[in-house]
Amino acid sequence: MVTNFDQAFNNAFPNDGTQKTTGNESASDVAMSTLTPAPGTSQETVPFADGRTTTAASTGRRAWDPYGDFNFVIEIDGIVAGSFQKCDGLSFEADVIEYRDSMDPYPRYRPGLKRFGRIRLTRGYVDNGSLWDWCQSIMHGKVDRRNGAVHLYNDDGDTPAITYRFLDAWPSNWSGFKLDGKGQGTLVEEIELVTECVMKTGY
């Protein structure tokens, strides 16, 4: 019988293309050791549905694995606000204009006014008034437009995989913390930004 896991693994998945045995295997062990690994189980190659292959030796990430919702960084020009807990509202929509020509038996459609969603950012309340100061400039009648970016990072947390950039944004809504004498959570503040353009970079 094979006495340890390493011997069993090496017999099932040899690195040099030959089957390794110890001389003490049973008939079932020898039969198992001569099996060819199933397609796609090689450590070097993972098949795509369309026949392509990919490698991810550094992280083990496959090309079709979705990104996590926690590896992100928010940047806003001139704002040093620390890390944000949440980011949502990044979206696009277009009005639908319905029309028909004189002989059309059914309606036709074309895009109308385009707009981008309002970006909502949530962060823990800290002794940093940069977001409030930005909102206060709007209160005083100054339209303070700034550019920013949402960086979605790879699993290693070192390099951004995708970046969404928003342009000419300004705060349209600020929500302060909620106090509760019996609460045990953390205080958070939220800010809502309107933007006139969103661009995507990196894939």
Protein backbone atom coordinates (compact mmCIF):
# COMPACT_ATOMS: atom_id res chain seq x y z
CA MET A 1 0.00 0.00 0.00
CA VAL A 2 1.09 3.59 -0.57
CA THR A 3 2.05 4.91 2.84
CA ASN A 4 1.82 8.66 2.46
CA PHE A 5 -0.01 11.37 0.58
CA ASP A 6 3.02 12.62 -1.37
CA GLN A 7 3.64 9.22 -2.94
CA ALA A 8 -0.03 8.88 -3.87
CA PHE A 9 -0.09 12.37 -5.40
CA ASN A 10 3.11 11.80 -7.40
CA ASN A 11 1.75 8.52 -8.74
CA ALA A 12 -1.52 10.11 -9.85
CA PHE A 13 0.02 13.33 -11.26
CA PRO A 14 3.66 12.76 -12.26
CA ASN A 15 5.66 15.83 -13.25
CA ASP A 16 7.94 14.12 -15.78
CA GLY A 17 5.33 12.13 -17.69
CA THR A 18 6.21 8.76 -16.09
CA GLN A 19 4.40 6.85 -13.36
CA LYS A 20 6.28 6.48 -10.08
CA THR A 21 5.90 3.40 -7.94
CA THR A 22 7.43 2.20 -4.70
CA GLY A 23 7.22 -1.52 -5.35
CA ASN A 24 4.77 -2.11 -2.50
CA GLU A 25 1.55 -1.07 -4.23
CA SER A 26 -1.50 -3.25 -4.52
CA ALA A 27 -3.11 -3.99 -7.88
CA SER A 28 -5.66 -1.18 -7.35
CA ASP A 29 -2.89 1.28 -6.50
CA VAL A 30 -1.01 0.41 -9.68
CA ALA A 31 -4.18 0.76 -11.73
CA MET A 32 -4.88 4.17 -10.24
CA SER A 33 -1.32 5.33 -10.82
CA THR A 34 -1.51 4.57 -14.54
CA LEU A 35 -4.59 6.70 -15.13
CA THR A 36 -4.13 9.83 -17.26
CA PRO A 37 -5.22 13.01 -15.43
CA ALA A 38 -8.56 14.33 -16.60
CA PRO A 39 -8.46 17.21 -19.12
CA GLY A 40 -8.08 20.52 -17.40
CA THR A 41 -6.54 19.20 -14.18
CA SER A 42 -2.96 19.93 -15.21
CA GLN A 43 -1.39 22.54 -12.98
CA GLU A 44 -0.10 24.48 -15.98
CA THR A 45 -3.18 24.63 -18.19
CA VAL A 46 -6.85 25.33 -17.69
CA PRO A 47 -9.15 24.98 -20.73
CA PHE A 48 -11.66 27.59 -21.85
CA ALA A 49 -15.01 26.60 -23.25
CA ASP A 50 -13.84 27.60 -26.74
CA GLY A 51 -10.60 25.63 -26.55
CA ARG A 52 -8.23 28.40 -25.45
CA THR A 53 -5.95 27.98 -22.48
CA THR A 54 -4.74 30.31 -19.77
CA THR A 55 -2.16 30.25 -17.01
CA ALA A 56 -2.16 32.02 -13.68
CA ALA A 57 0.87 30.71 -11.86
CA SER A 58 1.27 33.74 -9.57
CA THR A 59 -2.26 33.95 -8.14
CA GLY A 60 -4.02 30.83 -9.37
CA ARG A 61 -6.77 33.05 -10.77
CA ARG A 62 -8.68 31.78 -13.79
CA ALA A 63 -9.80 34.16 -16.51
CA TRP A 64 -13.49 33.51 -15.87
CA ASP A 65 -13.34 33.91 -12.08
CA PRO A 66 -15.36 36.97 -10.98
CA TYR A 67 -13.74 39.75 -8.99
CA GLY A 68 -14.48 40.20 -5.32
CA ASP A 69 -16.51 43.20 -4.21
CA PHE A 70 -14.02 44.25 -1.53
CA ASN A 71 -10.77 44.97 -3.45
CA PHE A 72 -11.41 48.58 -4.48
CA VAL A 73 -9.97 52.03 -3.97
CA ILE A 74 -11.69 55.40 -4.52
CA GLU A 75 -9.73 58.45 -5.64
CA ILE A 76 -11.04 62.01 -5.89
CA ASP A 77 -8.92 64.95 -7.01
CA GLY A 78 -7.83 67.01 -4.03
CA ILE A 79 -9.71 64.84 -1.53
CA VAL A 80 -7.85 62.75 1.01
CA ALA A 81 -10.69 60.94 2.70
CA GLY A 82 -9.24 57.55 3.63
CA SER A 83 -10.80 54.25 2.68
CA PHE A 84 -14.45 53.86 1.77
CA GLN A 85 -16.62 51.00 2.98
CA LYS A 86 -19.06 51.00 0.08
CA CYS A 87 -19.44 52.31 -3.44
CA ASP A 88 -22.57 51.92 -5.52
CA GLY A 89 -24.67 53.73 -8.09
CA LEU A 90 -22.10 53.46 -10.88
CA SER A 91 -24.46 53.06 -13.83
CA PHE A 92 -25.59 54.33 -17.22
CA GLU A 93 -29.01 54.68 -18.79
CA ALA A 94 -30.54 56.24 -21.87
CA ASP A 95 -34.10 57.41 -22.42
CA VAL A 96 -35.98 55.40 -25.01
CA ILE A 97 -37.68 57.40 -27.75
CA GLU A 98 -40.49 55.49 -29.41
CA TYR A 99 -41.61 56.46 -32.91
CA ARG A 100 -43.09 54.99 -36.06
CA ASP A 101 -43.10 55.85 -39.71
CA SER A 102 -46.38 56.20 -41.57
CA MET A 103 -46.41 52.62 -42.85
CA ASP A 104 -44.80 50.85 -39.87
CA PRO A 105 -47.07 48.28 -38.23
CA TYR A 106 -44.94 48.36 -35.08
CA PRO A 107 -42.99 51.04 -33.18
CA ARG A 108 -39.30 51.75 -33.58
CA TYR A 109 -36.90 52.95 -30.92
CA ARG A 110 -33.87 55.17 -30.70
CA PRO A 111 -31.82 56.41 -27.75
CA GLY A 112 -32.67 59.77 -26.26
CA LEU A 113 -31.09 61.65 -23.39
CA LYS A 114 -28.19 59.78 -21.78
CA ARG A 115 -27.33 59.99 -18.12
CA PHE A 116 -25.01 58.41 -15.59
CA GLY A 117 -26.08 57.23 -12.17
CA ARG A 118 -25.30 59.04 -8.95
CA ILE A 119 -22.30 57.54 -7.21
CA ARG A 120 -22.89 56.86 -3.51
CA LEU A 121 -19.85 56.53 -1.27
CA THR A 122 -19.92 55.35 2.35
CA ARG A 123 -17.05 55.53 4.79
CA GLY A 124 -16.49 55.32 8.50
CA TYR A 125 -16.75 58.69 10.22
CA VAL A 126 -13.28 59.93 11.16
CA ASP A 127 -11.71 63.23 12.14
CA ASN A 128 -11.34 64.34 8.54
CA GLY A 129 -13.54 67.10 7.13
CA SER A 130 -12.51 66.93 3.47
CA LEU A 131 -15.84 65.56 2.26
CA TRP A 132 -17.81 68.04 4.34
CA ASP A 133 -15.68 70.92 3.07
CA TRP A 134 -16.42 69.87 -0.50
CA CYS A 135 -20.15 69.86 0.23
CA GLN A 136 -19.88 73.21 1.98
CA SER A 137 -18.46 74.83 -1.14
CA ILE A 138 -21.68 73.81 -2.94
CA MET A 139 -23.73 75.28 -0.09
CA HIS A 140 -21.95 78.61 -0.60
CA GLY A 141 -22.80 78.68 -4.30
CA LYS A 142 -19.46 77.52 -5.66
CA VAL A 143 -19.71 74.64 -8.15
CA ASP A 144 -16.59 72.69 -7.25
CA ARG A 145 -16.27 69.97 -9.91
CA ARG A 146 -13.70 67.23 -9.46
CA ASN A 147 -12.59 64.10 -11.25
CA GLY A 148 -12.21 60.73 -9.61
CA ALA A 149 -11.77 57.02 -10.17
CA VAL A 150 -12.94 53.67 -8.85
CA HIS A 151 -10.11 51.15 -9.03
CA LEU A 152 -11.00 47.45 -8.93
CA TYR A 153 -7.93 45.50 -7.85
CA ASN A 154 -6.73 41.99 -8.63
CA ASP A 155 -6.75 39.35 -5.91
CA ASP A 156 -3.16 40.24 -5.02
CA GLY A 157 -4.31 43.74 -4.03
CA ASP A 158 -1.32 45.36 -5.73
CA THR A 159 -2.41 46.25 -9.27
CA PRO A 160 -5.78 47.57 -10.48
CA ALA A 161 -7.46 45.33 -13.05
CA ILE A 162 -10.23 47.73 -14.09
CA THR A 163 -10.69 51.45 -13.48
CA TYR A 164 -13.87 53.49 -13.88
CA ARG A 165 -13.14 57.21 -14.12
CA PHE A 166 -15.84 59.80 -13.46
CA LEU A 167 -15.49 63.39 -14.61
CA ASP A 168 -16.79 66.78 -13.43
CA ALA A 169 -18.43 65.33 -10.32
CA TRP A 170 -19.83 67.36 -7.47
CA PRO A 171 -21.68 66.37 -4.27
CA SER A 172 -25.45 66.59 -4.44
CA ASN A 173 -26.22 64.92 -1.13
CA TRP A 174 -24.44 64.32 2.17
CA SER A 175 -25.76 62.13 4.97
CA GLY A 176 -24.27 62.24 8.44
CA PHE A 177 -24.05 59.59 11.09
CA LYS A 178 -26.95 58.21 13.10
CA LEU A 179 -26.52 58.16 16.87
CA ASP A 180 -27.94 55.46 19.12
CA GLY A 181 -27.31 55.28 22.85
CA LYS A 182 -27.74 51.50 22.75
CA GLY A 183 -25.85 50.97 19.52
CA GLN A 184 -22.60 49.05 19.13
CA GLY A 185 -21.79 49.80 15.49
CA THR A 186 -19.50 52.35 13.92
CA LEU A 187 -20.49 55.79 12.68
CA VAL A 188 -20.56 56.27 8.91
CA GLU A 189 -21.15 59.18 6.56
CA GLU A 190 -22.42 59.00 3.00
CA ILE A 191 -21.93 61.31 0.06
CA GLU A 192 -23.70 61.21 -3.29
CA LEU A 193 -21.95 62.50 -6.40
CA VAL A 194 -23.41 63.50 -9.75
CA THR A 195 -21.20 63.09 -12.79
CA GLU A 196 -21.53 63.88 -16.48
CA CYS A 197 -19.20 61.20 -17.84
CA VAL A 198 -17.88 57.76 -16.84
CA MET A 199 -15.06 56.03 -18.71
CA LYS A 200 -13.71 52.51 -18.30
CA THR A 201 -10.02 51.68 -18.65
CA GLY A 202 -8.18 48.38 -18.27
CA TYR A 203 -9.43 44.82 -18.77
